[in-house]
Amino acid sequence: TEHSYKYTLIEFSGAGCSICRKMKNELDELNKTHGKVVNIVIQQMTQRNGLQWGKYYGVVMIPTQIILDRQGKEILRHTGFISKSDLLGHLKINDN
């Protein structure tokens, strides 16, 4: 089945980054509760593919989260740790 995600969240991460590990827990929780609405993509900046995506989006620090709407327009860019509830605060999601 084709998902029609309302948002895509790209997490630019890296191996050996402790904040990135904390972020993974938040994103796992977000995926459990809102995985049908938010497509979560983790890009490892320590891998070539992730690095190319990072360059494309101009990411210089990790972790960085970029949230895109359905049209691919950037609606949030955040660097560092952000909680699941703060992420949800940036998204217009009806919890019904």
Protein backbone atom coordinates (compact mmCIF):
# COMPACT_ATOMS: atom_id res chain seq x y z
CA THR A 1 0.00 0.00 0.00
CA GLU A 2 1.16 3.50 -0.83
CA HIS A 3 1.61 5.70 2.22
CA SER A 4 0.58 9.30 1.81
CA TYR A 5 2.77 10.75 4.51
CA LYS A 6 1.96 14.26 5.59
CA TYR A 7 5.59 14.92 6.53
CA THR A 8 9.06 13.52 5.98
CA LEU A 9 11.59 13.92 8.76
CA ILE A 10 15.21 13.48 7.73
CA GLU A 11 17.60 12.92 10.60
CA PHE A 12 21.25 13.52 9.72
CA SER A 13 23.14 11.32 12.12
CA GLY A 14 26.55 9.83 12.68
CA ALA A 15 28.16 6.79 14.24
CA GLY A 16 29.57 7.40 17.69
CA CYS A 17 27.46 10.51 18.31
CA SER A 18 25.77 10.26 21.72
CA ILE A 19 23.10 12.89 20.97
CA CYS A 20 22.31 10.99 17.76
CA ARG A 21 21.66 7.86 19.85
CA LYS A 22 19.31 9.83 22.11
CA MET A 23 17.58 11.18 19.00
CA LYS A 24 17.09 7.65 17.69
CA ASN A 25 15.03 6.81 20.81
CA GLU A 26 12.83 9.89 20.26
CA LEU A 27 12.39 9.03 16.57
CA ASP A 28 11.57 5.39 17.38
CA GLU A 29 8.85 6.64 19.73
CA LEU A 30 7.58 9.09 17.10
CA ASN A 31 7.51 6.26 14.57
CA LYS A 32 5.45 4.09 16.95
CA THR A 33 2.82 6.76 17.52
CA HIS A 34 2.84 8.75 14.26
CA GLY A 35 4.57 6.47 11.72
CA LYS A 36 1.58 6.65 9.37
CA VAL A 37 1.82 10.44 9.18
CA VAL A 38 5.56 11.09 9.43
CA ASN A 39 8.04 9.28 7.20
CA ILE A 40 11.27 9.09 9.23
CA VAL A 41 14.48 8.79 7.22
CA ILE A 42 17.83 8.50 8.98
CA GLN A 43 20.85 9.50 6.91
CA GLN A 44 24.23 8.47 8.29
CA MET A 45 26.72 11.24 7.56
CA THR A 46 29.49 8.68 8.00
CA GLN A 47 28.32 6.92 4.81
CA ARG A 48 28.74 8.32 1.32
CA ASN A 49 25.03 8.34 0.52
CA GLY A 50 24.26 10.18 3.76
CA LEU A 51 27.07 12.62 3.10
CA GLN A 52 25.66 13.42 -0.35
CA TRP A 53 22.23 14.07 1.14
CA GLY A 54 23.87 16.18 3.83
CA LYS A 55 25.64 18.27 1.20
CA TYR A 56 22.41 18.65 -0.76
CA TYR A 57 20.65 20.03 2.33
CA GLY A 58 23.69 22.01 3.52
CA VAL A 59 23.98 20.14 6.81
CA VAL A 60 27.15 21.00 8.74
CA MET A 61 26.48 19.61 12.22
CA ILE A 62 24.94 16.42 13.53
CA PRO A 63 22.40 15.60 14.54
CA THR A 64 20.29 17.84 12.32
CA GLN A 65 16.59 17.22 11.69
CA ILE A 66 14.87 18.56 8.61
CA ILE A 67 11.11 18.27 8.25
CA LEU A 68 9.56 18.52 4.80
CA ASP A 69 5.89 18.84 4.00
CA ARG A 70 4.10 16.73 1.39
CA GLN A 71 5.35 19.05 -1.39
CA GLY A 72 8.96 18.69 -0.22
CA LYS A 73 9.07 22.21 1.22
CA GLU A 74 11.30 22.57 4.29
CA ILE A 75 9.21 23.56 7.30
CA LEU A 76 11.70 22.93 10.10
CA ARG A 77 15.45 22.66 10.46
CA HIS A 78 16.85 21.91 13.88
CA THR A 79 20.34 21.00 15.05
CA GLY A 80 20.97 19.01 18.23
CA PHE A 81 18.56 17.13 20.43
CA ILE A 82 14.83 17.72 20.08
CA SER A 83 12.19 15.77 21.97
CA LYS A 84 9.34 13.90 20.35
CA SER A 85 6.83 16.31 21.90
CA ASP A 86 8.73 19.35 20.56
CA LEU A 87 8.84 17.75 17.11
CA LEU A 88 5.10 17.13 17.26
CA GLY A 89 4.61 20.75 18.27
CA HIS A 90 6.03 21.78 14.89
CA LEU A 91 3.73 19.44 13.00
CA LYS A 92 0.06 20.00 12.47
CA ILE A 93 -1.17 16.52 13.26
CA ASN A 94 -4.66 15.71 14.43
CA ASP A 95 -4.41 12.89 16.94
CA ASN A 96 -7.66 11.25 15.98
